[in-house]
Amino acid sequence: MRVLGIETSCDETGIAVYDSRDGLLGQALHSQIALHRDYGGVVPELASRDHIARVLPLVDEVLGQAGLDLRDLDAIAYTRGPGLAGALLVGAGVAAALAMATELPLLGVHHLEGHLLSPLLAQPDLDFPFVALLVSGGHTMLLQATSLGCYELLGETVDDAAGEAFDKSAKLLGLGYPGGPELARLAAGGRAEAFDLPRPKLHSEDLDFSFAGLKTAVLTRVRQLSQADQAIPAQARADLAAATQEAITDVLAAKAAAALRRSGLRTLVVAGGVGANLRLREKLDAACAALGAQVHYPPLQWCTDNGPMIAYAACRRLQAGLARGSRDYAFDIQPRWDLADLRAC
């Protein structure tokens, strides 16, 4: 089964063709970082317009890589949600048009399920059940994944996501967009012990997260360090960046370990953009080793939004009989879409 996947949920246009027998046949990704950098964050209208300009040329590029024509496919999939409404509509509309033109089934994919399954795309031997840590700019949650489509929420953020905490703290420190990777780079030269920052809900009995208080603490420190409009000394900026990264990753690693202990499972899957953070990976590796558990990550290039995860998720659902794909070519989007809505158990 060959599936074309189209991802346009936010600020990356991702296209891929996945074959259930031969694996990934082609992929392409366009990032809008340069487009949004001057604004310090994603501008939804600009994101939508850029998707319009990029998506069809990228489809042609990927089909060329795979040596295929549209009619060689078995289905076309798109990100149905969650995400930015205008951006989602671009991918959905293009996918529906291509499917109608070729009389192929059309399938909308949950963006978070795509992320959750992305480590399996790279590691075919990895399978259910496992605990999943989904951690990105918009989502931070722990799930128990029993089988395809059977996901139980164990805990989630009650306010800011971990990625938001990275990005907002980076902005407070005067760093560019995207903030998370910039903060991590600055943190490499800092001393985390120089600042004592809070770790909200670190010792709570639940598996929920909270990062808004940490962001406020960083703001307070920045104001203290920049009194009388003086620039923050370079070493102090690096130290505060390191302390911020340490606080966020401490909480994520501790909660993931707690989820493994409570579930009795010994496999952790990490997905989402924050999963690319090397300090987080170090801590998760250590925590899982102490529990006799294994931790799996997608390749770094698949941590952020991408086409392969959408094509792969669609292919898995079609093969498992959890979806058939539509042939009436009406499409919709779900800017807010609870992963529990996919429940198949």
C-alpha atoms as a PDB file:
ATOM      1  CA  MET A   1       0.000   0.000   0.000  1.00  0.00           C
ATOM      2  CA  ARG A   2       1.374   3.400  -1.021  1.00  0.00           C
ATOM      3  CA  VAL A   3       0.138   6.543   0.694  1.00  0.00           C
ATOM      4  CA  LEU A   4       0.895  10.190  -0.036  1.00  0.00           C
ATOM      5  CA  GLY A   5       0.953  12.245   3.173  1.00  0.00           C
ATOM      6  CA  ILE A   6       0.495  16.026   3.310  1.00  0.00           C
ATOM      7  CA  GLU A   7       1.331  17.932   6.523  1.00  0.00           C
ATOM      8  CA  THR A   8       0.421  21.642   6.830  1.00  0.00           C
ATOM      9  CA  SER A   9      -0.667  22.058  10.443  1.00  0.00           C
ATOM     10  CA  CYS A  10       1.554  25.017  11.334  1.00  0.00           C
ATOM     11  CA  ASP A  11       4.796  26.357   9.871  1.00  0.00           C
ATOM     12  CA  GLU A  12       6.230  23.399   7.964  1.00  0.00           C
ATOM     13  CA  THR A  13       5.036  22.012   4.667  1.00  0.00           C
ATOM     14  CA  GLY A  14       5.806  18.300   4.706  1.00  0.00           C
ATOM     15  CA  ILE A  15       5.143  15.790   1.919  1.00  0.00           C
ATOM     16  CA  ALA A  16       6.007  12.092   1.790  1.00  0.00           C
ATOM     17  CA  VAL A  17       5.147   8.806   0.116  1.00  0.00           C
ATOM     18  CA  TYR A  18       5.197   5.717   2.327  1.00  0.00           C
ATOM     19  CA  ASP A  19       4.968   2.149   1.042  1.00  0.00           C
ATOM     20  CA  SER A  20       3.883  -0.563   3.498  1.00  0.00           C
ATOM     21  CA  ARG A  21       6.352  -3.003   1.940  1.00  0.00           C
ATOM     22  CA  ASP A  22       9.283  -0.828   0.886  1.00  0.00           C
ATOM     23  CA  GLY A  23       9.077   1.919   3.513  1.00  0.00           C
ATOM     24  CA  LEU A  24       9.629   5.605   2.830  1.00  0.00           C
ATOM     25  CA  LEU A  25       9.947   6.228  -0.918  1.00  0.00           C
ATOM     26  CA  GLY A  26      10.327  10.003  -0.907  1.00  0.00           C
ATOM     27  CA  GLN A  27       9.964  13.049   1.321  1.00  0.00           C
ATOM     28  CA  ALA A  28      10.405  16.810   1.282  1.00  0.00           C
ATOM     29  CA  LEU A  29      10.033  19.496   3.921  1.00  0.00           C
ATOM     30  CA  HIS A  30       9.917  23.268   3.727  1.00  0.00           C
ATOM     31  CA  SER A  31      10.351  25.191   6.976  1.00  0.00           C
ATOM     32  CA  GLN A  32       8.949  28.695   7.389  1.00  0.00           C
ATOM     33  CA  ILE A  33      11.441  29.760  10.071  1.00  0.00           C
ATOM     34  CA  ALA A  34      12.902  32.561   7.941  1.00  0.00           C
ATOM     35  CA  LEU A  35       9.401  33.814   7.080  1.00  0.00           C
ATOM     36  CA  HIS A  36       8.320  34.190  10.717  1.00  0.00           C
ATOM     37  CA  ARG A  37      11.639  35.132  12.345  1.00  0.00           C
ATOM     38  CA  ASP A  38      11.056  38.909  12.175  1.00  0.00           C
ATOM     39  CA  TYR A  39       7.764  38.478  14.045  1.00  0.00           C
ATOM     40  CA  GLY A  40       9.148  36.313  16.837  1.00  0.00           C
ATOM     41  CA  GLY A  41       6.536  33.614  16.211  1.00  0.00           C
ATOM     42  CA  VAL A  42       4.202  32.066  13.662  1.00  0.00           C
ATOM     43  CA  VAL A  43       1.868  34.482  11.831  1.00  0.00           C
ATOM     44  CA  PRO A  44      -1.100  32.281  10.797  1.00  0.00           C
ATOM     45  CA  GLU A  45      -2.025  34.201   7.636  1.00  0.00           C
ATOM     46  CA  LEU A  46       1.555  34.158   6.358  1.00  0.00           C
ATOM     47  CA  ALA A  47       1.827  30.463   7.183  1.00  0.00           C
ATOM     48  CA  SER A  48      -1.279  29.652   5.149  1.00  0.00           C
ATOM     49  CA  ARG A  49      -0.119  31.654   2.131  1.00  0.00           C
ATOM     50  CA  ASP A  50       3.269  29.972   2.157  1.00  0.00           C
ATOM     51  CA  HIS A  51       1.684  26.517   2.297  1.00  0.00           C
ATOM     52  CA  ILE A  52      -0.350  27.420  -0.801  1.00  0.00           C
ATOM     53  CA  ALA A  53       2.824  28.314  -2.675  1.00  0.00           C
ATOM     54  CA  ARG A  54       4.816  25.277  -1.548  1.00  0.00           C
ATOM     55  CA  VAL A  55       2.559  22.263  -1.344  1.00  0.00           C
ATOM     56  CA  LEU A  56       2.075  21.291  -5.010  1.00  0.00           C
ATOM     57  CA  PRO A  57       5.725  21.798  -6.029  1.00  0.00           C
ATOM     58  CA  LEU A  58       6.733  19.632  -3.068  1.00  0.00           C
ATOM     59  CA  VAL A  59       4.236  16.930  -4.092  1.00  0.00           C
ATOM     60  CA  ASP A  60       5.815  16.900  -7.568  1.00  0.00           C
ATOM     61  CA  GLU A  61       9.283  16.731  -6.009  1.00  0.00           C
ATOM     62  CA  VAL A  62       8.418  13.778  -3.786  1.00  0.00           C
ATOM     63  CA  LEU A  63       6.672  11.830  -6.547  1.00  0.00           C
ATOM     64  CA  GLY A  64       9.755  12.407  -8.668  1.00  0.00           C
ATOM     65  CA  GLN A  65      11.991  11.032  -5.909  1.00  0.00           C
ATOM     66  CA  ALA A  66       9.778   7.951  -5.661  1.00  0.00           C
ATOM     67  CA  GLY A  67       9.544   7.518  -9.420  1.00  0.00           C
ATOM     68  CA  LEU A  68       5.755   7.464  -9.168  1.00  0.00           C
ATOM     69  CA  ASP A  69       2.690   9.076 -10.653  1.00  0.00           C
ATOM     70  CA  LEU A  70      -0.335  10.024  -8.560  1.00  0.00           C
ATOM     71  CA  ARG A  71      -2.205   7.074 -10.027  1.00  0.00           C
ATOM     72  CA  ASP A  72       0.420   4.707  -8.626  1.00  0.00           C
ATOM     73  CA  LEU A  73      -0.813   5.548  -5.121  1.00  0.00           C
ATOM     74  CA  ASP A  74      -3.440   3.740  -3.057  1.00  0.00           C
ATOM     75  CA  ALA A  75      -4.562   6.665  -0.868  1.00  0.00           C
ATOM     76  CA  ILE A  76      -3.931  10.313  -0.100  1.00  0.00           C
ATOM     77  CA  ALA A  77      -3.749  11.523   3.495  1.00  0.00           C
ATOM     78  CA  TYR A  78      -3.634  14.964   5.076  1.00  0.00           C
ATOM     79  CA  THR A  79      -3.346  16.427   8.552  1.00  0.00           C
ATOM     80  CA  ARG A  80      -6.907  17.049   9.706  1.00  0.00           C
ATOM     81  CA  GLY A  81      -5.884  18.590  13.020  1.00  0.00           C
ATOM     82  CA  PRO A  82      -5.064  19.871  15.502  1.00  0.00           C
ATOM     83  CA  GLY A  83      -3.323  22.967  14.187  1.00  0.00           C
ATOM     84  CA  LEU A  84      -3.871  26.401  12.653  1.00  0.00           C
ATOM     85  CA  ALA A  85      -7.206  26.460  10.837  1.00  0.00           C
ATOM     86  CA  GLY A  86      -5.992  28.264   7.725  1.00  0.00           C
ATOM     87  CA  ALA A  87      -2.896  26.103   7.411  1.00  0.00           C
ATOM     88  CA  LEU A  88      -4.905  22.910   7.846  1.00  0.00           C
ATOM     89  CA  LEU A  89      -7.360  23.997   5.153  1.00  0.00           C
ATOM     90  CA  VAL A  90      -4.569  24.285   2.602  1.00  0.00           C
ATOM     91  CA  GLY A  91      -3.412  20.713   3.063  1.00  0.00           C
ATOM     92  CA  ALA A  92      -6.938  19.347   3.293  1.00  0.00           C
ATOM     93  CA  GLY A  93      -8.096  21.164   0.171  1.00  0.00           C
ATOM     94  CA  VAL A  94      -5.117  20.099  -1.919  1.00  0.00           C
ATOM     95  CA  ALA A  95      -5.369  16.496  -0.726  1.00  0.00           C
ATOM     96  CA  ALA A  96      -9.084  16.361  -1.546  1.00  0.00           C
ATOM     97  CA  ALA A  97      -8.513  17.816  -5.008  1.00  0.00           C
ATOM     98  CA  LEU A  98      -5.744  15.327  -5.798  1.00  0.00           C
ATOM     99  CA  ALA A  99      -7.798  12.421  -4.474  1.00  0.00           C
ATOM    100  CA  MET A 100     -10.843  13.433  -6.506  1.00  0.00           C
ATOM    101  CA  ALA A 101      -8.776  13.837  -9.667  1.00  0.00           C
ATOM    102  CA  THR A 102      -7.350  10.340  -9.302  1.00  0.00           C
ATOM    103  CA  GLU A 103     -10.382   8.683  -7.640  1.00  0.00           C
ATOM    104  CA  LEU A 104      -8.227   7.621  -4.689  1.00  0.00           C
ATOM    105  CA  PRO A 105      -9.512   7.330  -1.100  1.00  0.00           C
ATOM    106  CA  LEU A 106      -8.947  10.396   1.084  1.00  0.00           C
ATOM    107  CA  LEU A 107      -7.999  10.154   4.756  1.00  0.00           C
ATOM    108  CA  GLY A 108      -7.614  12.830   7.454  1.00  0.00           C
ATOM    109  CA  VAL A 109      -4.924  12.068  10.040  1.00  0.00           C
ATOM    110  CA  HIS A 110      -4.570  13.220  13.641  1.00  0.00           C
ATOM    111  CA  HIS A 111      -1.394  15.274  13.899  1.00  0.00           C
ATOM    112  CA  LEU A 112      -0.512  13.928  17.357  1.00  0.00           C
ATOM    113  CA  GLU A 113      -0.987  10.312  16.319  1.00  0.00           C
ATOM    114  CA  GLY A 114       1.461  11.008  13.523  1.00  0.00           C
ATOM    115  CA  HIS A 115       4.010  12.248  16.063  1.00  0.00           C
ATOM    116  CA  LEU A 116       3.307   9.340  18.402  1.00  0.00           C
ATOM    117  CA  LEU A 117       3.942   6.782  15.645  1.00  0.00           C
ATOM    118  CA  SER A 118       6.998   8.499  14.150  1.00  0.00           C
ATOM    119  CA  PRO A 119       9.545   6.473  16.190  1.00  0.00           C
ATOM    120  CA  LEU A 120       7.924   3.286  14.837  1.00  0.00           C
ATOM    121  CA  LEU A 121       8.449   4.578  11.310  1.00  0.00           C
ATOM    122  CA  ALA A 122      12.196   4.603  11.893  1.00  0.00           C
ATOM    123  CA  GLN A 123      12.273   1.408  13.992  1.00  0.00           C
ATOM    124  CA  PRO A 124      10.017  -1.240  12.395  1.00  0.00           C
ATOM    125  CA  ASP A 125      10.621  -3.717  15.242  1.00  0.00           C
ATOM    126  CA  LEU A 126       9.235  -1.298  17.836  1.00  0.00           C
ATOM    127  CA  ASP A 127       5.605  -2.019  18.641  1.00  0.00           C
ATOM    128  CA  PHE A 128       2.867  -1.607  21.234  1.00  0.00           C
ATOM    129  CA  PRO A 129       2.365  -1.358  24.169  1.00  0.00           C
ATOM    130  CA  PHE A 130       4.417   1.601  25.406  1.00  0.00           C
ATOM    131  CA  VAL A 131       4.279   4.860  27.312  1.00  0.00           C
ATOM    132  CA  ALA A 132       4.466   7.898  25.031  1.00  0.00           C
ATOM    133  CA  LEU A 133       5.786  11.337  25.950  1.00  0.00           C
ATOM    134  CA  LEU A 134       4.433  13.811  23.393  1.00  0.00           C
ATOM    135  CA  VAL A 135       6.237  17.072  23.942  1.00  0.00           C
ATOM    136  CA  SER A 136       6.114  20.025  21.557  1.00  0.00           C
ATOM    137  CA  GLY A 137       5.382  23.731  21.306  1.00  0.00           C
ATOM    138  CA  GLY A 138       1.664  23.200  21.693  1.00  0.00           C
ATOM    139  CA  HIS A 139       1.321  19.887  23.533  1.00  0.00           C
ATOM    140  CA  THR A 140       2.845  18.144  26.512  1.00  0.00           C
ATOM    141  CA  MET A 141       1.243  14.866  27.549  1.00  0.00           C
ATOM    142  CA  LEU A 142       1.912  11.331  28.700  1.00  0.00           C
ATOM    143  CA  LEU A 143      -0.083   8.487  27.174  1.00  0.00           C
ATOM    144  CA  GLN A 144      -0.307   4.747  27.546  1.00  0.00           C
ATOM    145  CA  ALA A 145      -0.467   3.350  24.026  1.00  0.00           C
ATOM    146  CA  THR A 146      -1.880  -0.182  24.164  1.00  0.00           C
ATOM    147  CA  SER A 147      -2.433  -0.650  20.441  1.00  0.00           C
ATOM    148  CA  LEU A 148      -2.989   1.410  17.315  1.00  0.00           C
ATOM    149  CA  GLY A 149      -5.739   3.911  18.143  1.00  0.00           C
ATOM    150  CA  CYS A 150      -5.937   2.853  21.799  1.00  0.00           C
ATOM    151  CA  TYR A 151      -4.380   5.700  23.766  1.00  0.00           C
ATOM    152  CA  GLU A 152      -5.068   6.453  27.431  1.00  0.00           C
ATOM    153  CA  LEU A 153      -4.163   9.911  28.704  1.00  0.00           C
ATOM    154  CA  LEU A 154      -2.003   9.643  31.834  1.00  0.00           C
ATOM    155  CA  GLY A 155      -1.179  13.302  32.304  1.00  0.00           C
ATOM    156  CA  GLU A 156      -0.898  16.600  30.457  1.00  0.00           C
ATOM    157  CA  THR A 157       0.040  20.209  31.008  1.00  0.00           C
ATOM    158  CA  VAL A 158      -2.430  22.330  32.933  1.00  0.00           C
ATOM    159  CA  ASP A 159      -1.124  25.547  31.337  1.00  0.00           C
ATOM    160  CA  ASP A 160       1.871  26.105  29.044  1.00  0.00           C
ATOM    161  CA  ALA A 161       3.406  23.267  27.058  1.00  0.00           C
ATOM    162  CA  ALA A 162       7.107  22.528  27.508  1.00  0.00           C
ATOM    163  CA  GLY A 163       7.854  23.939  24.066  1.00  0.00           C
ATOM    164  CA  GLU A 164       6.073  27.162  24.999  1.00  0.00           C
ATOM    165  CA  ALA A 165       8.181  27.391  28.137  1.00  0.00           C
ATOM    166  CA  PHE A 166      11.327  27.054  26.033  1.00  0.00           C
ATOM    167  CA  ASP A 167      10.164  29.574  23.435  1.00  0.00           C
ATOM    168  CA  LYS A 168       8.817  32.174  25.862  1.00  0.00           C
ATOM    169  CA  SER A 169      11.890  31.954  28.081  1.00  0.00           C
ATOM    170  CA  ALA A 170      14.096  32.357  25.016  1.00  0.00           C
ATOM    171  CA  LYS A 171      12.177  35.483  24.027  1.00  0.00           C
ATOM    172  CA  LEU A 172      12.641  36.924  27.521  1.00  0.00           C
ATOM    173  CA  LEU A 173      16.368  36.351  27.105  1.00  0.00           C
ATOM    174  CA  GLY A 174      16.357  38.226  23.803  1.00  0.00           C
ATOM    175  CA  LEU A 175      16.926  35.146  21.663  1.00  0.00           C
ATOM    176  CA  GLY A 176      15.618  34.698  18.142  1.00  0.00           C
ATOM    177  CA  TYR A 177      12.934  32.452  16.678  1.00  0.00           C
ATOM    178  CA  PRO A 178      12.535  29.519  17.052  1.00  0.00           C
ATOM    179  CA  GLY A 179      13.357  29.978  20.697  1.00  0.00           C
ATOM    180  CA  GLY A 180      13.789  26.406  21.910  1.00  0.00           C
ATOM    181  CA  PRO A 181      16.845  25.479  19.832  1.00  0.00           C
ATOM    182  CA  GLU A 182      18.352  28.944  20.436  1.00  0.00           C
ATOM    183  CA  LEU A 183      17.981  28.554  24.196  1.00  0.00           C
ATOM    184  CA  ALA A 184      19.544  25.089  24.068  1.00  0.00           C
ATOM    185  CA  ARG A 185      22.526  26.446  22.152  1.00  0.00           C
ATOM    186  CA  LEU A 186      23.020  29.267  24.660  1.00  0.00           C
ATOM    187  CA  ALA A 187      22.595  26.847  27.569  1.00  0.00           C
ATOM    188  CA  ALA A 188      25.571  24.814  26.355  1.00  0.00           C
ATOM    189  CA  GLY A 189      27.877  27.544  27.696  1.00  0.00           C
ATOM    190  CA  GLY A 190      25.992  28.114  30.936  1.00  0.00           C
ATOM    191  CA  ARG A 191      26.011  26.821  34.510  1.00  0.00           C
ATOM    192  CA  ALA A 192      22.583  25.519  35.454  1.00  0.00           C
ATOM    193  CA  GLU A 193      23.378  25.693  39.166  1.00  0.00           C
ATOM    194  CA  ALA A 194      23.830  29.478  38.994  1.00  0.00           C
ATOM    195  CA  PHE A 195      20.058  30.013  39.297  1.00  0.00           C
ATOM    196  CA  ASP A 196      17.562  28.135  41.433  1.00  0.00           C
ATOM    197  CA  LEU A 197      14.402  27.967  39.322  1.00  0.00           C
ATOM    198  CA  PRO A 198      11.143  26.229  40.297  1.00  0.00           C
ATOM    199  CA  ARG A 199      10.110  22.855  38.948  1.00  0.00           C
ATOM    200  CA  PRO A 200       6.301  23.015  39.146  1.00  0.00           C
ATOM    201  CA  LYS A 201       4.495  19.739  39.956  1.00  0.00           C
ATOM    202  CA  LEU A 202       7.774  17.854  40.071  1.00  0.00           C
ATOM    203  CA  HIS A 203       6.705  16.034  43.231  1.00  0.00           C
ATOM    204  CA  SER A 204       2.952  15.985  42.690  1.00  0.00           C
ATOM    205  CA  GLU A 205       1.214  12.627  42.888  1.00  0.00           C
ATOM    206  CA  ASP A 206      -0.347  13.038  39.450  1.00  0.00           C
ATOM    207  CA  LEU A 207       1.338  12.911  36.057  1.00  0.00           C
ATOM    208  CA  ASP A 208       0.332  16.412  34.989  1.00  0.00           C
ATOM    209  CA  PHE A 209       2.731  19.210  34.062  1.00  0.00           C
ATOM    210  CA  SER A 210       2.815  22.966  34.665  1.00  0.00           C
ATOM    211  CA  PHE A 211       5.295  25.388  33.153  1.00  0.00           C
ATOM    212  CA  ALA A 212       3.642  28.818  33.500  1.00  0.00           C
ATOM    213  CA  GLY A 213       5.215  29.412  36.918  1.00  0.00           C
ATOM    214  CA  LEU A 214       8.664  28.638  35.557  1.00  0.00           C
ATOM    215  CA  LYS A 215       8.192  31.188  32.792  1.00  0.00           C
ATOM    216  CA  THR A 216       7.237  33.798  35.427  1.00  0.00           C
ATOM    217  CA  ALA A 217      10.348  32.937  37.446  1.00  0.00           C
ATOM    218  CA  VAL A 218      12.522  33.448  34.357  1.00  0.00           C
ATOM    219  CA  LEU A 219      10.853  36.818  33.759  1.00  0.00           C
ATOM    220  CA  THR A 220      11.616  37.851  37.344  1.00  0.00           C
ATOM    221  CA  ARG A 221      15.263  36.870  36.980  1.00  0.00           C
ATOM    222  CA  VAL A 222      15.576  38.735  33.678  1.00  0.00           C
ATOM    223  CA  ARG A 223      14.198  41.897  35.294  1.00  0.00           C
ATOM    224  CA  GLN A 224      16.605  41.564  38.203  1.00  0.00           C
ATOM    225  CA  LEU A 225      19.563  41.115  35.871  1.00  0.00           C
ATOM    226  CA  SER A 226      18.652  43.998  33.557  1.00  0.00           C
ATOM    227  CA  GLN A 227      18.086  46.761  36.087  1.00  0.00           C
ATOM    228  CA  ALA A 228      18.519  50.347  34.879  1.00  0.00           C
ATOM    229  CA  ASP A 229      18.071  49.096  31.306  1.00  0.00           C
ATOM    230  CA  GLN A 230      21.503  47.511  31.325  1.00  0.00           C
ATOM    231  CA  ALA A 231      22.069  44.530  29.077  1.00  0.00           C
ATOM    232  CA  ILE A 232      22.270  41.185  30.853  1.00  0.00           C
ATOM    233  CA  PRO A 233      25.901  40.033  31.034  1.00  0.00           C
ATOM    234  CA  ALA A 234      26.638  37.294  28.518  1.00  0.00           C
ATOM    235  CA  GLN A 235      27.560  34.679  31.123  1.00  0.00           C
ATOM    236  CA  ALA A 236      24.447  35.411  33.174  1.00  0.00           C
ATOM    237  CA  ARG A 237      22.287  34.923  30.071  1.00  0.00           C
ATOM    238  CA  ALA A 238      23.941  31.591  29.373  1.00  0.00           C
ATOM    239  CA  ASP A 239      23.550  30.546  33.017  1.00  0.00           C
ATOM    240  CA  LEU A 240      19.858  31.445  33.066  1.00  0.00           C
ATOM    241  CA  ALA A 241      19.304  29.590  29.793  1.00  0.00           C
ATOM    242  CA  ALA A 242      21.003  26.510  31.250  1.00  0.00           C
ATOM    243  CA  ALA A 243      18.964  26.728  34.456  1.00  0.00           C
ATOM    244  CA  THR A 244      15.740  27.039  32.449  1.00  0.00           C
ATOM    245  CA  GLN A 245      16.562  24.039  30.295  1.00  0.00           C
ATOM    246  CA  GLU A 246      17.510  22.046  33.380  1.00  0.00           C
ATOM    247  CA  ALA A 247      14.217  22.829  35.121  1.00  0.00           C
ATOM    248  CA  ILE A 248      12.062  21.884  32.117  1.00  0.00           C
ATOM    249  CA  THR A 249      13.926  18.677  31.373  1.00  0.00           C
ATOM    250  CA  ASP A 250      14.005  17.646  35.043  1.00  0.00           C
ATOM    251  CA  VAL A 251      10.202  17.693  35.155  1.00  0.00           C
ATOM    252  CA  LEU A 252       9.749  15.912  31.837  1.00  0.00           C
ATOM    253  CA  ALA A 253      12.176  13.123  32.740  1.00  0.00           C
ATOM    254  CA  ALA A 254      10.752  12.644  36.226  1.00  0.00           C
ATOM    255  CA  LYS A 255       7.158  12.435  35.021  1.00  0.00           C
ATOM    256  CA  ALA A 256       8.057  10.041  32.204  1.00  0.00           C
ATOM    257  CA  ALA A 257       9.820   7.755  34.682  1.00  0.00           C
ATOM    258  CA  ALA A 258       6.815   7.910  37.018  1.00  0.00           C
ATOM    259  CA  ALA A 259       4.515   6.953  34.134  1.00  0.00           C
ATOM    260  CA  LEU A 260       6.643   3.894  33.393  1.00  0.00           C
ATOM    261  CA  ARG A 261       6.570   2.820  37.033  1.00  0.00           C
ATOM    262  CA  ARG A 262       2.806   3.227  37.345  1.00  0.00           C
ATOM    263  CA  SER A 263       1.982   1.495  34.066  1.00  0.00           C
ATOM    264  CA  GLY A 264       4.395  -1.359  34.601  1.00  0.00           C
ATOM    265  CA  LEU A 265       5.603  -0.921  31.022  1.00  0.00           C
ATOM    266  CA  ARG A 266       9.274  -0.847  30.112  1.00  0.00           C
ATOM    267  CA  THR A 267       9.193   1.000  26.802  1.00  0.00           C
ATOM    268  CA  LEU A 268       9.075   4.784  26.452  1.00  0.00           C
ATOM    269  CA  VAL A 269       8.486   6.496  23.112  1.00  0.00           C
ATOM    270  CA  VAL A 270       9.309  10.189  22.826  1.00  0.00           C
ATOM    271  CA  ALA A 271       7.896  12.363  20.048  1.00  0.00           C
ATOM    272  CA  GLY A 272       7.465  16.035  19.208  1.00  0.00           C
ATOM    273  CA  GLY A 273       9.850  18.900  18.615  1.00  0.00           C
ATOM    274  CA  VAL A 274      11.136  19.137  22.198  1.00  0.00           C
ATOM    275  CA  GLY A 275      12.170  15.494  21.877  1.00  0.00           C
ATOM    276  CA  ALA A 276      15.123  16.772  19.843  1.00  0.00           C
ATOM    277  CA  ASN A 277      16.575  18.504  22.920  1.00  0.00           C
ATOM    278  CA  LEU A 278      19.820  16.682  23.698  1.00  0.00           C
ATOM    279  CA  ARG A 279      19.736  17.441  27.431  1.00  0.00           C
ATOM    280  CA  LEU A 280      16.267  15.921  27.645  1.00  0.00           C
ATOM    281  CA  ARG A 281      17.496  12.837  25.809  1.00  0.00           C
ATOM    282  CA  GLU A 282      20.392  12.472  28.260  1.00  0.00           C
ATOM    283  CA  LYS A 283      18.029  12.548  31.231  1.00  0.00           C
ATOM    284  CA  LEU A 284      15.481  10.200  29.698  1.00  0.00           C
ATOM    285  CA  ASP A 285      18.243   7.749  28.770  1.00  0.00           C
ATOM    286  CA  ALA A 286      19.493   7.773  32.372  1.00  0.00           C
ATOM    287  CA  ALA A 287      16.015   7.496  33.899  1.00  0.00           C
ATOM    288  CA  CYS A 288      15.053   4.579  31.682  1.00  0.00           C
ATOM    289  CA  ALA A 289      18.353   2.795  32.285  1.00  0.00           C
ATOM    290  CA  ALA A 290      17.731   3.018  36.035  1.00  0.00           C
ATOM    291  CA  LEU A 291      14.329   1.373  35.542  1.00  0.00           C
ATOM    292  CA  GLY A 292      15.570  -1.279  33.139  1.00  0.00           C
ATOM    293  CA  ALA A 293      13.445   0.331  30.433  1.00  0.00           C
ATOM    294  CA  GLN A 294      14.146   1.269  26.838  1.00  0.00           C
ATOM    295  CA  VAL A 295      13.542   4.690  25.333  1.00  0.00           C
ATOM    296  CA  HIS A 296      13.006   5.365  21.641  1.00  0.00           C
ATOM    297  CA  TYR A 297      13.145   8.631  19.707  1.00  0.00           C
ATOM    298  CA  PRO A 298      12.403   9.498  16.096  1.00  0.00           C
ATOM    299  CA  PRO A 299      15.402  10.681  14.076  1.00  0.00           C
ATOM    300  CA  LEU A 300      16.070  14.361  14.729  1.00  0.00           C
ATOM    301  CA  GLN A 301      14.690  15.402  11.331  1.00  0.00           C
ATOM    302  CA  TRP A 302      11.354  13.765  12.209  1.00  0.00           C
ATOM    303  CA  CYS A 303      10.933  15.369  15.623  1.00  0.00           C
ATOM    304  CA  THR A 304       9.314  18.448  14.118  1.00  0.00           C
ATOM    305  CA  ASP A 305       6.243  18.331  11.862  1.00  0.00           C
ATOM    306  CA  ASN A 306       6.851  16.254   8.735  1.00  0.00           C
ATOM    307  CA  GLY A 307       5.177  14.391   5.907  1.00  0.00           C
ATOM    308  CA  PRO A 308       6.449  10.862   6.673  1.00  0.00           C
ATOM    309  CA  MET A 309       4.596  10.686   9.988  1.00  0.00           C
ATOM    310  CA  ILE A 310       1.281  11.522   8.268  1.00  0.00           C
ATOM    311  CA  ALA A 311       1.770   9.046   5.433  1.00  0.00           C
ATOM    312  CA  TYR A 312       2.857   6.345   7.881  1.00  0.00           C
ATOM    313  CA  ALA A 313      -0.016   6.911  10.331  1.00  0.00           C
ATOM    314  CA  ALA A 314      -2.521   6.772   7.473  1.00  0.00           C
ATOM    315  CA  CYS A 315      -0.986   3.585   6.092  1.00  0.00           C
ATOM    316  CA  ARG A 316      -1.092   1.892   9.507  1.00  0.00           C
ATOM    317  CA  ARG A 317      -4.761   2.827   9.993  1.00  0.00           C
ATOM    318  CA  LEU A 318      -5.770   1.661   6.541  1.00  0.00           C
ATOM    319  CA  GLN A 319      -3.956  -1.667   6.958  1.00  0.00           C
ATOM    320  CA  ALA A 320      -5.495  -2.229  10.406  1.00  0.00           C
ATOM    321  CA  GLY A 321      -8.996  -1.564   9.129  1.00  0.00           C
ATOM    322  CA  LEU A 322      -9.420   1.450  11.433  1.00  0.00           C
ATOM    323  CA  ALA A 323     -10.065   3.661   8.406  1.00  0.00           C
ATOM    324  CA  ARG A 324     -11.205   3.142   4.846  1.00  0.00           C
ATOM    325  CA  GLY A 325     -10.765   6.591   3.414  1.00  0.00           C
ATOM    326  CA  SER A 326     -13.505   8.727   1.901  1.00  0.00           C
ATOM    327  CA  ARG A 327     -14.482   8.691  -1.749  1.00  0.00           C
ATOM    328  CA  ASP A 328     -17.007  11.526  -1.614  1.00  0.00           C
ATOM    329  CA  TYR A 329     -14.062  13.965  -1.292  1.00  0.00           C
ATOM    330  CA  ALA A 330     -15.772  16.206   1.220  1.00  0.00           C
ATOM    331  CA  PHE A 331     -13.171  17.240   3.777  1.00  0.00           C
ATOM    332  CA  ASP A 332     -13.099  18.950   7.125  1.00  0.00           C
ATOM    333  CA  ILE A 333     -10.505  20.072   9.635  1.00  0.00           C
ATOM    334  CA  GLN A 334     -10.296  19.924  13.414  1.00  0.00           C
ATOM    335  CA  PRO A 335      -8.122  22.808  14.738  1.00  0.00           C
ATOM    336  CA  ARG A 336      -8.846  21.432  18.225  1.00  0.00           C
ATOM    337  CA  TRP A 337      -8.982  17.654  18.301  1.00  0.00           C
ATOM    338  CA  ASP A 338      -8.613  15.459  21.357  1.00  0.00           C
ATOM    339  CA  LEU A 339      -6.475  12.403  20.725  1.00  0.00           C
ATOM    340  CA  ALA A 340      -8.950  10.399  22.834  1.00  0.00           C
ATOM    341  CA  ASP A 341     -11.484  10.842  20.011  1.00  0.00           C
ATOM    342  CA  LEU A 342      -9.509   8.226  18.072  1.00  0.00           C
ATOM    343  CA  ARG A 343     -10.147   5.595  20.727  1.00  0.00           C
ATOM    344  CA  ALA A 344     -10.372   2.164  19.111  1.00  0.00           C
ATOM    345  CA  CYS A 345     -10.471  -0.041  22.217  1.00  0.00           C
END
